[in-house]
């Protein structure tokens, strides 16, 4: 199983998609807010907590570290109110998680060996330059990891 930080790293690797598509950016903020709310662990989904101030904070942080195109929406509040999140990023995560499960069922991280093969999380990055973006995000999430 991948850690939450690995999921965020994978999501950051799709930055060319969510920086230019406001609905993909909305999906990204919802996914990160969901990860931050820890609803993935319990299996319970608290939409009020996910869609509340945490979502706005996630959007604010991401917009402070990279340029996000929100047009035709005037701001994130408008996007949140009238936008419809894509499913593109969720589908990408599902593909990676299925691959992790099939290649390394006992995986607990990004370098697990399975019958001579090594599972490497970085092989699933769409954009290798995303690590720079992730490093800008790190100060905001490092406290969560501790």
Protein backbone atom coordinates (compact mmCIF):
# COMPACT_ATOMS: atom_id res chain seq x y z
CA UNK A 1 0.00 0.00 0.00
CA UNK A 2 1.25 3.45 -0.80
CA UNK A 3 1.53 6.09 1.89
CA UNK A 4 -0.50 9.30 1.68
CA UNK A 5 2.65 11.23 0.78
CA UNK A 6 3.18 8.91 -2.20
CA UNK A 7 -0.34 9.63 -3.42
CA UNK A 8 0.33 13.37 -3.22
CA UNK A 9 3.62 12.93 -5.12
CA UNK A 10 1.78 11.09 -7.88
CA UNK A 11 -0.87 13.82 -8.03
CA UNK A 12 1.84 16.49 -8.28
CA UNK A 13 3.27 14.67 -11.30
CA UNK A 14 0.10 15.52 -13.24
CA UNK A 15 0.57 19.27 -12.73
CA UNK A 16 0.45 20.12 -16.47
CA UNK A 17 -3.11 18.76 -16.49
CA UNK A 18 -4.48 20.37 -13.33
CA UNK A 19 -2.68 23.70 -13.73
CA UNK A 20 -4.49 24.34 -17.02
CA UNK A 21 -7.88 22.76 -16.29
CA UNK A 22 -9.89 24.29 -13.42
CA UNK A 23 -12.13 21.23 -13.05
CA UNK A 24 -9.06 18.97 -12.75
CA UNK A 25 -7.68 21.43 -10.16
CA UNK A 26 -10.96 21.13 -8.24
CA UNK A 27 -10.60 17.34 -8.31
CA UNK A 28 -7.00 17.65 -7.10
CA UNK A 29 -7.97 19.82 -4.14
CA UNK A 30 -10.77 17.40 -3.20
CA UNK A 31 -8.40 14.43 -3.38
CA UNK A 32 -5.74 16.13 -1.26
CA UNK A 33 -8.36 17.33 1.23
CA UNK A 34 -9.64 13.74 1.41
CA UNK A 35 -6.14 12.45 2.08
CA UNK A 36 -5.61 15.13 4.71
CA UNK A 37 -8.93 14.29 6.40
CA UNK A 38 -7.78 10.69 6.73
CA UNK A 39 -11.13 9.44 5.46
CA UNK A 40 -9.24 6.97 3.26
CA UNK A 41 -8.03 5.06 6.34
CA UNK A 42 -11.41 4.68 8.01
CA UNK A 43 -13.39 4.18 4.83
CA UNK A 44 -15.82 6.85 6.03
CA UNK A 45 -16.36 9.91 3.90
CA UNK A 46 -17.19 13.18 5.64
CA UNK A 47 -18.03 15.48 2.74
CA UNK A 48 -18.55 18.50 4.99
CA UNK A 49 -15.03 18.16 6.35
CA UNK A 50 -13.51 17.50 2.90
CA UNK A 51 -15.36 20.34 1.16
CA UNK A 52 -15.03 22.84 4.01
CA UNK A 53 -12.22 25.22 4.96
CA UNK A 54 -9.60 22.49 4.43
CA UNK A 55 -10.41 22.43 0.72
CA UNK A 56 -10.04 26.20 0.51
CA UNK A 57 -6.71 25.99 2.34
CA UNK A 58 -5.41 23.26 0.00
CA UNK A 59 -6.35 25.41 -3.01
CA UNK A 60 -4.70 28.48 -1.48
CA UNK A 61 -1.45 26.60 -0.84
CA UNK A 62 -1.34 25.06 -4.32
CA UNK A 63 -2.09 28.39 -5.99
CA UNK A 64 0.75 29.96 -3.97
CA UNK A 65 3.35 27.50 -5.28
CA UNK A 66 2.32 27.30 -8.94
CA UNK A 67 0.21 29.11 -11.54
CA UNK A 68 -3.26 27.61 -11.80
CA UNK A 69 -5.60 28.64 -14.61
CA UNK A 70 -9.06 29.16 -13.10
CA UNK A 71 -10.68 30.79 -16.13
CA UNK A 72 -13.63 30.92 -16.85
CA UNK A 73 -14.16 30.98 -13.06
CA UNK A 74 -13.31 34.24 -11.32
CA UNK A 75 -11.71 32.56 -8.26
CA UNK A 76 -11.58 29.27 -6.37
CA UNK A 77 -14.82 29.99 -4.50
CA UNK A 78 -16.59 30.37 -7.86
CA UNK A 79 -14.99 27.15 -9.14
CA UNK A 80 -16.01 25.30 -5.97
CA UNK A 81 -19.59 26.58 -6.27
CA UNK A 82 -20.18 26.13 -10.01
CA UNK A 83 -17.45 23.74 -11.22
CA UNK A 84 -17.67 20.00 -11.73
CA UNK A 85 -14.53 18.06 -10.78
CA UNK A 86 -13.07 15.71 -13.36
CA UNK A 87 -12.33 12.06 -12.60
CA UNK A 88 -9.04 12.06 -14.52
CA UNK A 89 -6.72 12.22 -11.49
CA UNK A 90 -8.72 9.63 -9.55
CA UNK A 91 -8.49 7.27 -12.52
CA UNK A 92 -4.72 7.82 -12.67
CA UNK A 93 -4.40 6.99 -8.97
CA UNK A 94 -6.51 3.85 -9.39
CA UNK A 95 -4.24 2.67 -12.23
CA UNK A 96 -1.12 3.17 -10.11
CA UNK A 97 -2.70 1.50 -7.08
CA UNK A 98 -3.77 -1.49 -9.19
CA UNK A 99 -0.23 -1.78 -10.54
CA UNK A 100 1.21 -1.57 -7.01
CA UNK A 101 -1.20 -4.27 -5.86
CA UNK A 102 -0.41 -6.58 -8.77
CA UNK A 103 3.38 -6.02 -8.81
CA UNK A 104 4.09 -5.81 -5.10
CA UNK A 105 1.19 -6.99 -2.93
CA UNK A 106 3.21 -6.54 0.26
CA UNK A 107 4.51 -3.12 -0.75
CA UNK A 108 4.98 -0.57 1.99
CA UNK A 109 6.71 2.24 0.15
CA UNK A 110 8.45 2.94 -3.08
CA UNK A 111 11.25 0.39 -3.38
CA UNK A 112 9.79 -3.08 -2.80
CA UNK A 113 11.26 -6.14 -4.47
CA UNK A 114 8.91 -8.79 -5.84
CA UNK A 115 10.46 -11.92 -7.38
CA UNK A 116 13.44 -10.08 -8.83
CA UNK A 117 11.47 -7.00 -9.86
CA UNK A 118 11.70 -3.69 -8.03
CA UNK A 119 8.59 -1.53 -7.81
CA UNK A 120 9.61 2.09 -8.21
CA UNK A 121 7.05 4.81 -7.55
CA UNK A 122 8.91 7.24 -9.79
CA UNK A 123 8.19 4.98 -12.79
CA UNK A 124 4.56 6.06 -12.47
CA UNK A 125 5.22 9.79 -12.63
CA UNK A 126 3.87 11.42 -15.73
CA UNK A 127 6.20 14.40 -15.35
CA UNK A 128 9.61 13.88 -13.74
CA UNK A 129 9.99 17.66 -13.15
CA UNK A 130 7.11 17.54 -10.69
CA UNK A 131 9.55 16.79 -7.87
CA UNK A 132 10.43 20.51 -7.82
CA UNK A 133 6.76 21.32 -7.32
CA UNK A 134 6.50 18.68 -4.61
CA UNK A 135 9.49 20.23 -2.81
CA UNK A 136 7.69 23.59 -2.79
CA UNK A 137 4.68 21.85 -1.26
CA UNK A 138 6.74 19.92 1.30
CA UNK A 139 6.83 22.63 4.04
CA UNK A 140 3.03 22.59 4.11
CA UNK A 141 2.72 18.81 4.47
CA UNK A 142 5.81 17.80 6.44
CA UNK A 143 4.04 18.39 9.77
CA UNK A 144 1.30 15.95 8.71
CA UNK A 145 3.87 13.24 7.98
CA UNK A 146 5.53 13.46 11.43
